[in-house]
Amino acid sequence: MAVNRTHTMGRGGTCICPKCGYEAPHHRGVPCQEERCPECGAKLLRKGSYHHDLLDKKRQKQQKGV
């Protein structure tokens, strides 16, 4: 069964590491989550994506609690 993916981020953009903050340009046709950070090995996230926004909200909540 084929998986339907919705590509709404468009061309360009940046992939970012959620652990160490490493940033790299997005490669067209390759989802950021399929790439690994060369610094720490974590899966990269697309800057401005739903998952990146969730991470930002989580970090902001943790900073307010500290």
N, C-alpha and C. Protein backbone atom coordinates (compact mmCIF):
# COMPACT_ATOMS: atom_id res chain seq x y z
N MET A 1 0.84 -1.18 0.00
CA MET A 1 0.00 0.00 0.00
C MET A 1 0.88 1.25 0.00
N ALA A 2 0.62 2.17 -0.87
CA ALA A 2 1.40 3.39 -0.99
C ALA A 2 1.02 4.37 0.11
N VAL A 3 1.99 5.15 0.53
CA VAL A 3 1.77 6.16 1.55
C VAL A 3 1.64 7.51 0.86
N ASN A 4 0.54 8.20 1.10
CA ASN A 4 0.37 9.54 0.54
C ASN A 4 1.01 10.54 1.48
N ARG A 5 1.94 11.31 0.95
CA ARG A 5 2.58 12.35 1.74
C ARG A 5 2.16 13.70 1.21
N THR A 6 1.93 14.61 2.10
CA THR A 6 1.58 15.97 1.71
C THR A 6 2.83 16.82 1.83
N HIS A 7 3.23 17.40 0.73
CA HIS A 7 4.42 18.25 0.72
C HIS A 7 3.97 19.70 0.71
N THR A 8 3.97 20.30 1.88
CA THR A 8 3.46 21.66 2.00
C THR A 8 4.54 22.68 2.33
N MET A 9 5.77 22.24 2.53
CA MET A 9 6.82 23.16 2.94
C MET A 9 7.46 23.89 1.75
N GLY A 10 7.32 23.36 0.55
CA GLY A 10 7.89 24.03 -0.61
C GLY A 10 9.38 23.81 -0.75
N ARG A 11 9.95 24.50 -1.70
CA ARG A 11 11.39 24.39 -1.95
C ARG A 11 12.18 25.17 -0.93
N GLY A 12 13.47 24.90 -0.90
CA GLY A 12 14.35 25.64 -0.02
C GLY A 12 14.13 25.27 1.44
N GLY A 13 14.52 26.14 2.31
CA GLY A 13 14.34 25.90 3.73
C GLY A 13 15.59 25.35 4.38
N THR A 14 15.45 25.03 5.64
CA THR A 14 16.57 24.58 6.45
C THR A 14 16.16 23.38 7.28
N CYS A 15 17.09 22.43 7.39
CA CYS A 15 16.92 21.30 8.30
C CYS A 15 17.73 21.61 9.55
N ILE A 16 17.17 21.31 10.71
CA ILE A 16 17.82 21.64 11.98
C ILE A 16 17.82 20.44 12.91
N CYS A 17 18.88 20.31 13.69
CA CYS A 17 19.00 19.22 14.65
C CYS A 17 18.32 19.63 15.95
N PRO A 18 17.38 18.83 16.45
CA PRO A 18 16.70 19.17 17.70
C PRO A 18 17.57 19.04 18.94
N LYS A 19 18.68 18.32 18.84
CA LYS A 19 19.55 18.12 20.01
C LYS A 19 20.65 19.16 20.12
N CYS A 20 21.42 19.36 19.02
CA CYS A 20 22.58 20.24 19.12
C CYS A 20 22.43 21.56 18.37
N GLY A 21 21.35 21.71 17.57
CA GLY A 21 21.11 22.96 16.88
C GLY A 21 21.81 23.09 15.53
N TYR A 22 22.49 22.05 15.07
CA TYR A 22 23.15 22.07 13.75
C TYR A 22 22.11 22.40 12.67
N GLU A 23 22.48 23.23 11.72
CA GLU A 23 21.59 23.60 10.62
C GLU A 23 22.24 23.28 9.28
N ALA A 24 21.43 22.82 8.33
CA ALA A 24 21.90 22.51 6.98
C ALA A 24 20.80 22.87 6.00
N PRO A 25 21.15 23.24 4.77
CA PRO A 25 20.11 23.53 3.79
C PRO A 25 19.32 22.26 3.45
N HIS A 26 18.02 22.44 3.21
CA HIS A 26 17.16 21.31 2.85
C HIS A 26 17.48 20.86 1.43
N HIS A 27 17.56 19.56 1.22
CA HIS A 27 17.80 18.99 -0.10
C HIS A 27 16.46 18.61 -0.71
N ARG A 28 16.16 19.16 -1.86
CA ARG A 28 14.88 18.92 -2.53
C ARG A 28 14.66 17.43 -2.76
N GLY A 29 13.48 16.96 -2.38
CA GLY A 29 13.11 15.56 -2.59
C GLY A 29 13.52 14.62 -1.47
N VAL A 30 14.26 15.13 -0.48
CA VAL A 30 14.70 14.30 0.65
C VAL A 30 14.14 14.91 1.94
N PRO A 31 13.19 14.25 2.59
CA PRO A 31 12.67 14.78 3.85
C PRO A 31 13.78 14.94 4.89
N CYS A 32 13.73 16.02 5.64
CA CYS A 32 14.76 16.27 6.66
C CYS A 32 14.86 15.12 7.64
N GLN A 33 13.74 14.48 7.98
CA GLN A 33 13.75 13.40 8.95
C GLN A 33 14.48 12.16 8.45
N GLU A 34 14.77 12.10 7.16
CA GLU A 34 15.54 10.97 6.63
C GLU A 34 17.04 11.24 6.68
N GLU A 35 17.42 12.46 7.07
CA GLU A 35 18.83 12.81 7.19
C GLU A 35 19.23 12.82 8.65
N ARG A 36 20.50 12.56 8.91
CA ARG A 36 21.04 12.54 10.28
C ARG A 36 22.02 13.69 10.48
N CYS A 37 22.08 14.17 11.69
CA CYS A 37 23.01 15.24 12.05
C CYS A 37 24.44 14.69 12.04
N PRO A 38 25.36 15.37 11.34
CA PRO A 38 26.75 14.90 11.33
C PRO A 38 27.46 15.13 12.66
N GLU A 39 26.89 15.99 13.51
CA GLU A 39 27.51 16.29 14.81
C GLU A 39 27.14 15.27 15.88
N CYS A 40 25.83 14.92 15.97
CA CYS A 40 25.39 14.04 17.06
C CYS A 40 24.59 12.81 16.61
N GLY A 41 24.22 12.74 15.34
CA GLY A 41 23.53 11.57 14.81
C GLY A 41 22.01 11.58 14.93
N ALA A 42 21.43 12.65 15.46
CA ALA A 42 19.97 12.73 15.61
C ALA A 42 19.31 12.99 14.25
N LYS A 43 18.03 12.62 14.14
CA LYS A 43 17.27 12.92 12.93
C LYS A 43 17.03 14.43 12.88
N LEU A 44 17.13 14.99 11.68
CA LEU A 44 16.91 16.42 11.51
C LEU A 44 15.43 16.72 11.35
N LEU A 45 15.05 17.96 11.67
CA LEU A 45 13.68 18.45 11.51
C LEU A 45 13.70 19.62 10.54
N ARG A 46 12.61 19.80 9.81
CA ARG A 46 12.49 20.95 8.91
C ARG A 46 12.12 22.17 9.73
N LYS A 47 12.90 23.22 9.62
CA LYS A 47 12.64 24.45 10.35
C LYS A 47 11.29 25.01 9.90
N GLY A 48 10.41 25.29 10.86
CA GLY A 48 9.09 25.81 10.56
C GLY A 48 8.03 24.73 10.37
N SER A 49 8.42 23.46 10.47
CA SER A 49 7.46 22.36 10.31
C SER A 49 6.64 22.19 11.59
N TYR A 50 5.62 21.35 11.48
CA TYR A 50 4.77 21.05 12.64
C TYR A 50 5.62 20.50 13.79
N HIS A 51 6.52 19.56 13.51
CA HIS A 51 7.34 18.95 14.56
C HIS A 51 8.34 19.94 15.15
N HIS A 52 8.86 20.84 14.34
CA HIS A 52 9.77 21.86 14.84
C HIS A 52 9.02 22.83 15.75
N ASP A 53 7.79 23.18 15.37
CA ASP A 53 6.97 24.05 16.21
C ASP A 53 6.66 23.41 17.56
N LEU A 54 6.37 22.09 17.56
CA LEU A 54 6.12 21.38 18.82
C LEU A 54 7.35 21.42 19.72
N LEU A 55 8.52 21.22 19.13
CA LEU A 55 9.77 21.26 19.90
C LEU A 55 9.98 22.65 20.50
N ASP A 56 9.74 23.71 19.72
CA ASP A 56 9.89 25.07 20.23
C ASP A 56 8.94 25.33 21.41
N LYS A 57 7.69 24.89 21.28
CA LYS A 57 6.71 25.08 22.35
C LYS A 57 7.13 24.34 23.62
N LYS A 58 7.65 23.13 23.45
CA LYS A 58 8.11 22.33 24.59
C LYS A 58 9.27 23.03 25.30
N ARG A 59 10.22 23.55 24.52
CA ARG A 59 11.37 24.24 25.11
C ARG A 59 10.96 25.53 25.82
N GLN A 60 10.00 26.28 25.24
CA GLN A 60 9.52 27.49 25.88
C GLN A 60 8.83 27.18 27.20
N LYS A 61 8.06 26.09 27.22
CA LYS A 61 7.37 25.68 28.44
C LYS A 61 8.37 25.30 29.52
N GLN A 62 9.46 24.60 29.13
CA GLN A 62 10.48 24.19 30.09
C GLN A 62 11.21 25.41 30.65
N GLN A 63 11.47 26.43 29.80
CA GLN A 63 12.16 27.63 30.26
C GLN A 63 11.32 28.42 31.24
N LYS A 64 10.01 28.44 31.04
CA LYS A 64 9.13 29.16 31.95
C LYS A 64 9.06 28.47 33.30
N GLY A 65 9.18 27.14 33.29
CA GLY A 65 9.11 26.37 34.52
C GLY A 65 10.38 26.42 35.35
N VAL A 66 11.48 26.86 34.73
CA VAL A 66 12.77 26.88 35.43
C VAL A 66 12.94 28.12 36.23
